[in-house]
Amino acid sequence: MAEEASPEKTTAEESFLSQPNSDAQGQLTAAVDELLDQLQSKFDNVSKEMFGKLDDMTRRLDELEASLTASGTESASATPTQ
C-alpha cells in the first residue's frame, strides 16, 4: 500500500525545505546590495576625480589662453611700423 502524506506533514516539510532557500535568497540579496553600494561608491569617487581633473584642465587652458593673448598683444605693440 502507498502511504499518503497528511496535509499537515506536507506543509511542515514545505516550510522546512523553503527555509534554506529563502535564507539563501536573503544572503544573495544582501551580497548584491553590498556589491551595488561598493560600485556606486567607486563610481562617485571616479566621477569626482574626473570632474576635478576637468576643472584643473579648464583653469590651465584659460591661463594659457590669457598668456597667449598677452604675448600676442605685447609682440604686436613691440613691432615697429614702417
Protein backbone atom coordinates (compact mmCIF):
# COMPACT_ATOMS: atom_id res chain seq x y z
CA MET A 1 0.00 0.00 0.00
CA ALA A 2 1.13 3.53 -0.75
CA GLU A 3 1.44 5.88 2.14
CA GLU A 4 -0.40 9.15 1.82
CA ALA A 5 1.13 12.24 3.34
CA SER A 6 -1.08 14.18 5.63
CA PRO A 7 -1.64 17.85 4.70
CA GLU A 8 -0.08 18.95 7.98
CA LYS A 9 3.09 16.97 7.36
CA THR A 10 3.38 18.26 3.77
CA THR A 11 3.02 21.87 4.91
CA ALA A 12 5.65 21.38 7.60
CA GLU A 13 8.01 19.75 5.11
CA GLU A 14 7.48 22.52 2.58
CA SER A 15 8.14 25.12 5.25
CA PHE A 16 11.31 23.31 6.32
CA LEU A 17 12.51 22.94 2.74
CA SER A 18 11.76 26.53 1.79
CA GLN A 19 13.60 27.92 4.81
CA PRO A 20 17.14 27.35 3.46
CA ASN A 21 16.03 28.61 0.06
CA SER A 22 14.68 31.88 1.45
CA ASP A 23 17.79 32.20 3.64
CA ALA A 24 19.99 31.75 0.57
CA GLN A 25 17.92 34.32 -1.32
CA GLY A 26 18.31 36.75 1.56
CA GLN A 27 22.07 36.25 1.58
CA LEU A 28 22.23 36.68 -2.18
CA THR A 29 20.14 39.83 -2.00
CA ALA A 30 22.38 41.22 0.75
CA ALA A 31 25.52 40.39 -1.25
CA VAL A 32 24.13 42.02 -4.40
CA ASP A 33 23.09 45.13 -2.43
CA GLU A 34 26.56 45.39 -0.90
CA LEU A 35 28.19 44.98 -4.31
CA LEU A 36 25.95 47.68 -5.79
CA ASP A 37 26.79 50.01 -2.90
CA GLN A 38 30.50 49.43 -3.47
CA LEU A 39 30.15 50.06 -7.20
CA GLN A 40 28.16 53.24 -6.55
CA SER A 41 30.84 54.46 -4.15
CA LYS A 42 33.62 53.74 -6.65
CA PHE A 43 31.66 55.41 -9.43
CA ASP A 44 31.15 58.51 -7.26
CA ASN A 45 34.86 58.66 -6.46
CA VAL A 46 35.86 58.31 -10.13
CA SER A 47 33.33 60.95 -11.12
CA LYS A 48 34.69 63.38 -8.53
CA GLU A 49 38.26 62.76 -9.71
CA MET A 50 37.29 63.26 -13.36
CA PHE A 51 35.42 66.49 -12.68
CA GLY A 52 38.34 67.73 -10.58
CA LYS A 53 40.77 67.00 -13.40
CA LEU A 54 38.46 68.61 -15.96
CA ASP A 55 38.20 71.74 -13.78
CA ASP A 56 42.00 71.83 -13.45
CA MET A 57 42.39 71.41 -17.22
CA THR A 58 39.91 74.23 -17.84
CA ARG A 59 41.79 76.52 -15.46
CA ARG A 60 45.11 75.71 -17.11
CA LEU A 61 43.70 76.27 -20.61
CA ASP A 62 42.26 79.62 -19.52
CA GLU A 63 45.68 80.60 -18.15
CA LEU A 64 47.37 79.51 -21.39
CA GLU A 65 44.85 81.45 -23.47
CA ALA A 66 45.39 84.56 -21.36
CA SER A 67 49.16 84.15 -21.65
CA LEU A 68 48.99 83.76 -25.43
CA THR A 69 46.68 86.77 -25.73
CA ALA A 70 49.01 88.87 -23.61
CA SER A 71 52.03 87.65 -25.57
CA GLY A 72 50.34 88.46 -28.88
CA THR A 73 49.39 91.94 -27.67
CA GLU A 74 52.93 92.62 -26.46
CA SER A 75 54.51 91.42 -29.70
CA ALA A 76 52.05 93.46 -31.79
CA SER A 77 52.81 96.67 -29.87
CA ALA A 78 56.56 95.99 -29.86
CA THR A 79 56.76 95.53 -33.65
CA PRO A 80 57.87 98.77 -35.28
CA THR A 81 55.69 100.12 -38.07
CA GLN A 82 57.34 101.00 -41.36
